[in-house]
Amino acid sequence: MSPELGRQAFRLAIFIIMLSGTMLLCQPAGSAGQVLSVASLVVGLIFAGIVAFLARRANR
């Protein structure tokens, strides 16, 4: 993975995490919006983990 591609992918993951985390704070408990915000947060965290794993693997 090129460093620029990894950097941009990680920025996208951080953007998704921050946006979904912010939206999670604004949603009422038990609403459909809260469920979608949690799902988006999980997707962002998984994506960030995959990008970090691939970046470390590429450096070896």
C-alpha atoms as a PDB file:
ATOM      1  CA  MET A   1       0.000   0.000   0.000  1.00  0.00           C
ATOM      2  CA  SER A   2       1.395   3.376  -0.917  1.00  0.00           C
ATOM      3  CA  PRO A   3       1.829   5.820   1.973  1.00  0.00           C
ATOM      4  CA  GLU A   4      -0.510   8.374   0.371  1.00  0.00           C
ATOM      5  CA  LEU A   5      -3.274   5.819  -0.101  1.00  0.00           C
ATOM      6  CA  GLY A   6      -2.919   4.606   3.479  1.00  0.00           C
ATOM      7  CA  ARG A   7      -2.949   8.157   4.824  1.00  0.00           C
ATOM      8  CA  GLN A   8      -6.106   9.047   2.891  1.00  0.00           C
ATOM      9  CA  ALA A   9      -7.853   5.826   3.902  1.00  0.00           C
ATOM     10  CA  PHE A  10      -7.000   6.461   7.545  1.00  0.00           C
ATOM     11  CA  ARG A  11      -8.306  10.034   7.290  1.00  0.00           C
ATOM     12  CA  LEU A  12     -11.555   8.696   5.840  1.00  0.00           C
ATOM     13  CA  ALA A  13     -11.840   6.222   8.713  1.00  0.00           C
ATOM     14  CA  ILE A  14     -11.249   8.975  11.292  1.00  0.00           C
ATOM     15  CA  PHE A  15     -13.856  11.153   9.550  1.00  0.00           C
ATOM     16  CA  ILE A  16     -16.430   8.341   9.724  1.00  0.00           C
ATOM     17  CA  ILE A  17     -15.612   7.681  13.392  1.00  0.00           C
ATOM     18  CA  MET A  18     -15.834  11.338  14.393  1.00  0.00           C
ATOM     19  CA  LEU A  19     -19.033  11.980  12.451  1.00  0.00           C
ATOM     20  CA  SER A  20     -20.822   8.901  13.759  1.00  0.00           C
ATOM     21  CA  GLY A  21     -19.610   9.582  17.305  1.00  0.00           C
ATOM     22  CA  THR A  22     -20.964  13.111  17.140  1.00  0.00           C
ATOM     23  CA  MET A  23     -24.264  11.917  15.737  1.00  0.00           C
ATOM     24  CA  LEU A  24     -24.465   9.282  18.471  1.00  0.00           C
ATOM     25  CA  LEU A  25     -24.423  12.025  21.092  1.00  0.00           C
ATOM     26  CA  CYS A  26     -27.330  13.813  19.379  1.00  0.00           C
ATOM     27  CA  GLN A  27     -29.653  10.810  18.994  1.00  0.00           C
ATOM     28  CA  PRO A  28     -32.242   9.862  21.600  1.00  0.00           C
ATOM     29  CA  ALA A  29     -31.673   6.527  23.309  1.00  0.00           C
ATOM     30  CA  GLY A  30     -33.366   3.593  21.635  1.00  0.00           C
ATOM     31  CA  SER A  31     -34.076   5.359  18.358  1.00  0.00           C
ATOM     32  CA  ALA A  32     -33.305   4.056  14.884  1.00  0.00           C
ATOM     33  CA  GLY A  33     -30.862   6.918  14.433  1.00  0.00           C
ATOM     34  CA  GLN A  34     -28.860   5.733  17.414  1.00  0.00           C
ATOM     35  CA  VAL A  35     -28.668   2.216  15.984  1.00  0.00           C
ATOM     36  CA  LEU A  36     -27.398   3.575  12.657  1.00  0.00           C
ATOM     37  CA  SER A  37     -24.867   5.785  14.418  1.00  0.00           C
ATOM     38  CA  VAL A  38     -23.518   2.824  16.389  1.00  0.00           C
ATOM     39  CA  ALA A  39     -23.348   0.741  13.205  1.00  0.00           C
ATOM     40  CA  SER A  40     -21.453   3.529  11.429  1.00  0.00           C
ATOM     41  CA  LEU A  41     -19.075   3.827  14.369  1.00  0.00           C
ATOM     42  CA  VAL A  42     -18.364   0.097  14.280  1.00  0.00           C
ATOM     43  CA  VAL A  43     -17.774   0.187  10.511  1.00  0.00           C
ATOM     44  CA  GLY A  44     -15.378   3.120  10.932  1.00  0.00           C
ATOM     45  CA  LEU A  45     -13.444   1.334  13.675  1.00  0.00           C
ATOM     46  CA  ILE A  46     -13.182  -1.867  11.637  1.00  0.00           C
ATOM     47  CA  PHE A  47     -12.062   0.103   8.583  1.00  0.00           C
ATOM     48  CA  ALA A  48      -9.404   1.924  10.628  1.00  0.00           C
ATOM     49  CA  GLY A  49      -8.198  -1.401  12.011  1.00  0.00           C
ATOM     50  CA  ILE A  50      -7.913  -2.907   8.538  1.00  0.00           C
ATOM     51  CA  VAL A  51      -6.007   0.124   7.238  1.00  0.00           C
ATOM     52  CA  ALA A  52      -3.614   0.001  10.209  1.00  0.00           C
ATOM     53  CA  PHE A  53      -3.065  -3.732   9.724  1.00  0.00           C
ATOM     54  CA  LEU A  54      -2.376  -3.345   6.007  1.00  0.00           C
ATOM     55  CA  ALA A  55      -0.016  -0.417   6.603  1.00  0.00           C
ATOM     56  CA  ARG A  56       2.022  -2.387   9.151  1.00  0.00           C
ATOM     57  CA  ARG A  57       2.059  -5.425   6.906  1.00  0.00           C
ATOM     58  CA  ALA A  58       3.275  -3.363   3.948  1.00  0.00           C
ATOM     59  CA  ASN A  59       6.211  -2.020   5.987  1.00  0.00           C
ATOM     60  CA  ARG A  60       7.612  -5.500   6.684  1.00  0.00           C
END
